[in-house]
Every structure is written in C-alpha cells, then in structure tokens.
Protein backbone atom coordinates (compact mmCIF):
# COMPACT_ATOMS: atom_id res chain seq x y z
CA MET A 1 0.04 0.17 0.00
CA LYS A 2 0.62 3.34 -0.98
CA TYR A 3 -0.66 6.21 1.88
CA LEU A 4 -0.62 10.30 1.15
CA ILE A 5 -0.70 11.63 3.66
CA HIS A 6 -2.00 15.06 3.77
CA GLY A 7 -1.53 17.19 6.24
CA ALA A 8 2.05 15.15 6.97
CA CYS A 9 4.18 17.78 8.74
CA GLY A 10 0.80 18.74 11.10
CA ARG A 11 0.41 17.29 14.67
CA MET A 12 -1.74 14.53 14.24
CA GLY A 13 0.27 13.89 10.19
CA ARG A 14 3.36 13.58 12.24
CA VAL A 15 1.30 11.16 14.42
CA VAL A 16 -0.24 9.48 11.74
CA GLN A 17 3.47 8.81 9.94
CA ARG A 18 4.95 7.46 12.93
CA VAL A 19 2.09 4.21 13.35
CA ILE A 20 1.83 3.50 10.05
CA ARG A 21 5.56 3.17 10.18
CA GLU A 22 5.26 1.20 13.40
CA LYS A 23 2.55 -1.04 12.52
CA LEU A 24 3.17 -1.64 8.82
CA PRO A 25 7.30 -0.74 8.31
CA ASP A 26 6.83 -1.07 4.68
CA THR A 27 5.06 0.65 3.44
CA ASP A 28 5.16 4.08 1.40
CA LEU A 29 4.74 7.63 2.80
CA ILE A 30 4.08 10.86 0.17
CA LEU A 31 3.52 13.21 2.71
CA VAL A 32 2.32 16.31 1.42
CA ASP A 33 1.84 19.61 3.74
CA PRO A 34 1.37 23.31 2.65
CA MET A 35 3.29 24.83 5.30
CA ALA A 36 6.42 22.19 4.32
CA LYS A 37 9.92 22.99 4.79
CA GLU A 38 11.52 19.24 4.55
CA ASP A 39 12.93 18.60 0.89
CA ASP A 40 10.99 15.41 0.90
CA VAL A 41 7.41 16.78 1.79
CA TYR A 42 5.46 18.36 -0.37
CA THR A 43 3.69 21.46 0.09
CA ALA A 44 0.40 21.13 -3.21
CA ILE A 45 -0.99 18.04 -3.74
CA SER A 46 -1.22 18.85 -7.44
CA ASP A 47 2.90 18.96 -7.27
CA TYR A 48 2.98 15.20 -6.55
CA LYS A 49 2.50 13.13 -10.40
CA GLY A 50 2.71 10.03 -8.93
CA LYS A 51 0.51 7.43 -7.73
CA ALA A 52 -1.37 5.97 -4.65
CA ASP A 53 -3.31 3.50 -3.29
CA CYS A 54 -5.12 6.40 -1.09
CA ILE A 55 -5.23 9.88 1.13
CA ILE A 56 -5.34 10.01 4.68
CA ASP A 57 -6.26 13.71 5.87
CA PHE A 58 -5.55 15.83 8.90
CA SER A 59 -4.81 19.71 7.83
CA HIS A 60 -7.67 21.91 7.20
CA HIS A 61 -11.10 21.60 6.02
CA SER A 62 -10.38 24.73 3.20
CA ALA A 63 -7.87 21.70 1.28
CA ALA A 64 -11.11 20.14 0.09
CA PRO A 65 -11.59 21.29 -3.03
CA ALA A 66 -7.59 20.46 -3.99
CA LEU A 67 -7.85 17.16 -1.65
CA THR A 68 -11.06 16.11 -3.66
CA ALA A 69 -9.94 17.08 -7.21
CA TRP A 70 -6.56 15.35 -7.32
CA ALA A 71 -8.43 12.53 -5.96
CA MET A 72 -11.00 12.31 -8.55
CA ALA A 73 -8.52 12.76 -11.49
CA HIS A 74 -6.20 10.35 -10.01
CA LYS A 75 -8.79 7.75 -8.53
CA VAL A 76 -7.77 7.65 -5.26
CA PRO A 77 -10.10 7.04 -2.22
CA LEU A 78 -10.54 9.23 0.89
CA VAL A 79 -10.22 9.39 4.12
CA ILE A 80 -11.10 13.21 5.41
CA ALA A 81 -10.00 13.16 8.82
CA THR A 82 -10.92 17.32 9.64
CA THR A 83 -13.82 19.32 10.47
CA GLY A 84 -15.57 22.07 10.29
CA GLN A 85 -16.52 22.24 6.40
CA THR A 86 -18.68 24.76 4.80
CA GLU A 87 -21.59 23.85 2.47
CA GLU A 88 -19.28 24.57 -0.63
CA GLU A 89 -16.78 22.05 0.87
CA LEU A 90 -19.04 19.79 1.49
CA ALA A 91 -20.55 19.76 -1.79
CA CYS A 92 -17.23 18.91 -2.95
CA ILE A 93 -17.27 15.89 -0.86
CA ARG A 94 -20.07 14.64 -2.61
CA ARG A 95 -19.11 15.08 -5.67
CA ALA A 96 -15.93 13.06 -5.26
CA SER A 97 -18.23 10.61 -3.54
CA GLU A 98 -19.78 9.58 -6.78
CA GLN A 99 -16.62 8.76 -8.13
CA VAL A 100 -13.95 7.45 -5.48
CA PRO A 101 -14.81 5.94 -2.10
CA VAL A 102 -15.03 8.68 0.50
CA LEU A 103 -14.75 8.31 4.37
CA LEU A 104 -15.49 11.67 6.07
CA ALA A 105 -15.66 11.61 10.40
CA SER A 106 -15.30 14.00 13.37
CA ASN A 107 -13.46 11.82 15.35
CA PHE A 108 -11.98 7.66 14.56
CA SER A 109 -12.21 6.60 17.72
CA LEU A 110 -14.38 3.48 17.56
CA GLY A 111 -15.20 3.99 20.97
CA ILE A 112 -16.94 7.63 19.93
CA VAL A 113 -19.39 5.85 17.40
CA VAL A 114 -20.08 2.71 20.40
CA LEU A 115 -21.32 6.37 22.19
CA THR A 116 -23.17 8.09 19.58
CA ALA A 117 -24.77 4.94 19.53
CA LEU A 118 -25.40 4.50 23.07
CA ALA A 119 -26.75 8.13 23.61
CA LYS A 120 -29.59 7.93 20.78
CA GLN A 121 -30.42 4.82 22.89
CA ALA A 122 -30.67 6.99 25.67
CA ALA A 123 -31.80 9.56 24.57
CA LYS A 124 -34.94 7.90 23.78
CA ALA A 125 -35.28 5.27 26.35
CA PHE A 126 -35.72 8.83 28.48
CA PRO A 127 -37.87 10.93 26.40
CA GLU A 128 -38.56 13.50 29.41
CA ALA A 129 -34.49 14.40 30.13
CA ASP A 130 -32.46 17.23 30.16
CA ILE A 131 -29.31 15.93 28.35
CA GLU A 132 -26.49 18.24 28.25
CA ILE A 133 -22.91 17.24 25.99
CA VAL A 134 -19.70 18.65 27.46
CA GLU A 135 -16.73 18.44 25.24
CA THR A 136 -13.03 18.67 27.31
CA HIS A 137 -9.94 19.55 24.86
CA HIS A 138 -6.20 20.75 24.86
CA ASN A 139 -5.80 24.62 25.43
CA ARG A 140 -4.41 24.95 21.44
CA LYS A 141 -7.74 23.15 19.87
CA LEU A 142 -9.00 26.01 17.40
CA ASP A 143 -12.97 24.93 16.91
CA VAL A 144 -15.77 25.01 19.59
CA PRO A 145 -17.34 23.05 20.06
CA SER A 146 -15.40 19.84 18.83
CA GLY A 147 -16.92 18.48 15.60
CA THR A 148 -17.20 15.19 17.77
CA ALA A 149 -19.37 17.18 20.22
CA LEU A 150 -21.82 18.44 17.46
CA THR A 151 -21.73 14.51 16.49
CA LEU A 152 -22.90 12.96 19.24
CA ALA A 153 -25.62 16.33 19.86
CA LYS A 154 -27.30 15.88 16.24
CA ALA A 155 -26.98 12.08 16.97
CA VAL A 156 -29.43 12.96 20.25
CA GLN A 157 -31.30 15.52 18.18
CA SER A 158 -32.50 13.04 15.51
CA VAL A 159 -34.59 11.12 17.75
CA ARG A 160 -35.82 14.47 19.44
CA PRO A 161 -37.60 16.11 16.87
CA GLY A 162 -38.56 19.38 17.72
CA SER A 163 -35.28 19.71 20.18
CA ARG A 164 -32.73 22.73 19.41
CA LEU A 165 -28.50 22.77 20.13
CA VAL A 166 -28.42 25.56 22.53
CA ILE A 167 -24.29 26.04 22.18
CA GLY A 168 -22.55 27.13 25.64
CA ARG A 169 -25.59 29.00 27.25
CA HIS A 170 -24.75 32.11 28.85
CA GLU A 171 -27.73 33.98 28.83
CA ASN A 172 -30.30 33.97 31.68
CA GLY A 173 -33.33 32.40 31.99
CA LYS A 174 -34.07 28.90 33.39
CA ARG A 175 -33.43 25.72 30.89
CA GLU A 176 -36.06 25.20 27.98
CA PRO A 177 -36.97 21.10 27.59
CA THR A 178 -36.37 20.85 24.37
CA ASP A 179 -32.14 22.77 24.53
CA ILE A 180 -29.87 19.84 24.08
CA GLY A 181 -26.77 22.01 25.49
CA VAL A 182 -22.84 21.53 24.52
CA HIS A 183 -20.30 23.10 26.38
CA SER A 184 -16.58 22.88 25.90
CA LEU A 185 -13.75 23.33 27.81
CA ARG A 186 -10.19 24.13 27.02
CA MET A 187 -7.05 23.47 29.84
CA GLY A 188 -3.66 22.22 29.25
CA ASN A 189 -3.02 18.98 27.08
CA ILE A 190 -6.69 16.82 27.03
CA VAL A 191 -6.44 15.18 24.21
CA GLY A 192 -10.20 14.74 24.32
CA VAL A 193 -13.31 14.04 26.65
CA HIS A 194 -16.65 13.84 25.61
CA GLU A 195 -19.30 13.43 27.96
CA ILE A 196 -23.02 13.22 27.55
CA HIS A 197 -25.64 13.54 30.28
CA ILE A 198 -28.93 11.98 30.91
CA CYS A 199 -30.76 13.58 33.93
CA THR A 200 -34.32 13.59 35.05
CA ASP A 201 -35.77 14.82 38.29
CA THR A 202 -35.09 10.76 39.75
CA GLN A 203 -31.61 9.92 38.00
CA THR A 204 -28.84 10.53 35.68
CA LEU A 205 -27.29 8.98 33.45
CA THR A 206 -23.39 9.43 31.93
CA LEU A 207 -21.87 7.90 29.13
CA ARG A 208 -17.80 9.03 29.09
CA HIS A 209 -15.75 8.98 25.74
CA GLU A 210 -12.14 10.22 27.26
CA ALA A 211 -9.03 9.45 24.01
CA HIS A 212 -5.78 9.19 26.17
CA ASP A 213 -3.42 9.21 23.67
CA ARG A 214 -3.77 10.98 20.22
CA ALA A 215 -2.23 7.45 18.08
CA LEU A 216 -6.05 6.48 18.92
CA PHE A 217 -6.89 8.67 15.89
CA ALA A 218 -4.15 8.08 13.96
CA GLU A 219 -5.08 4.07 14.40
CA GLY A 220 -8.70 4.78 13.43
CA ALA A 221 -7.58 6.30 10.80
CA LEU A 222 -5.33 3.95 9.38
CA THR A 223 -8.34 1.11 9.59
CA ALA A 224 -10.30 3.46 7.93
CA ALA A 225 -7.28 3.80 5.11
CA GLN A 226 -7.67 -0.12 5.00
CA TRP A 227 -11.56 -0.38 4.68
CA VAL A 228 -12.01 2.01 2.46
CA VAL A 229 -10.09 0.74 -0.25
CA THR A 230 -12.48 -2.39 -0.79
CA MET A 231 -15.60 0.05 -0.88
CA GLU A 232 -16.98 1.19 -4.04
CA PRO A 233 -17.75 4.73 -4.73
CA GLY A 234 -19.91 6.49 -2.36
CA LEU A 235 -19.94 8.84 1.44
CA TYR A 236 -18.81 6.52 4.56
CA ASP A 237 -18.42 7.23 8.30
CA MET A 238 -16.98 5.05 11.01
CA GLN A 239 -20.55 4.28 11.16
CA SER A 240 -20.37 2.38 8.56
CA ILE A 241 -16.78 0.36 9.36
CA LEU A 242 -18.60 -0.79 12.68
CA ASN A 243 -21.98 -1.81 11.25
CA GLY A 244 -19.64 -4.31 9.13
CA ILE A 245 -17.68 -5.68 12.42
CA LEU A 246 -21.36 -5.91 14.47
CA GLN A 247 -22.18 -8.33 10.97
C-alpha cells in the first residue's frame, strides 16, 4: 500500500506517520503539507504526479476542493479527518464520493462511534430527560465546539424531534425542555473527553469517552483507510465500519 498523508507536518499528521511506520514498516508514504519546510514533503497535492492507494487527510477543511479534485482525477480513495467544512466544501466531498469512496468523520475513535449509538438509545429511552453534552480538549484546539460534540448532539437531536441545540449557555434564563446543551472546555494538554449527561428529576445517566493518546485517532484513520480501499464509490463514516464489525 502507498498512503498519501495530507497535512503530514501537523500534530496529527506526524502521529499518523509514526503509527503507520510502526505497524506497517514496509509501507510507502507520500507526504504533503502546505507549511512544509522539509525537502521530502510536497507543499501542494497537485505537485505530486505519482500514484497512491489512499489519501489520509489531517490538514484543514479548506483543503477540500484541491484534495477532492486530485482524488477524482487519480481515482484514489479518500479518508478525511478534518471538521468545520462549509457547505461548498461539503459539496466538493459529495461530488468526489460519486467517483471514489470517501470516508468522512469528525472522530476516528471506534469508542466514539459506540458512544454515539448509546447516546441515541439513551435519549430515546428517557424522552423527558434534560441532555447536556460537555467536551474538553487541550488549550490549543481551534474549533468550538468540537466536531465530535456536534456529531453527538445531532445524533441525540435525531431522536428528539423539535429539539434545539444550545451552544454554550451564557445568557440568563431557565433551561427549556427541548434544549440540548453543548459546552466546551479548553485547558492543558487534554487529548479529548466527551460526556453526555441524561438527567431526570430522579436519576442521571452519564456516558463518557476519554482519549488517552492521539495515536488512537491515527490508528482509527489507518483502519478507515484499509477499509475504504475495498469499497465502491460512496460517502461513508465510522458507523459504516462498525456496522461491518457487528454483522
């Protein structure tokens, strides 16, 4: 296999490189990063004229147009691990998925996929409960709330018709029964913690996932890459992989 790592010089890009080289030492890596200063790293994906079996993208959501154009032109499956895409960028991803298999996820932890499924079940089991989602990350994280927190919130919302997302409840006033609160904490070097609190007047159920090492996401992205290369064109997510495991 030959993997093209897009965003190779970023924090996660370097972790992906390390994980692949440890687990698959004979694997060829093509490294691309717009901020690269190393001679062996391309600064634009269009500069690479060779072949690749799969692209793993840990760069920035704004790279979607160039990334998907290259993937379509070279018929290469694509794993996208960025969040915060605009509607225009999502449209690029959807167009690419008509020609090549694309796996798009806000979090590459299988544990988060299980957490999302459990959150939907719990929200459905306690239709009158107040639900609050709290995510905690390191103090350098840019997006607020995290893409994973939004994914969890939307999963809960899908079984709560008429509910509304409330991002960071800062204004005065009581909580509305239809609210699904999403709160963000930024501190220290915390890799990632996501909690879902389902609370009634008589009991509280808390679902929690904690990432201990960023290698978790790199391992998940590698699993996703190995899976997506076997698929037909389409837009997939980590739930697709879990469904295959549970079958």
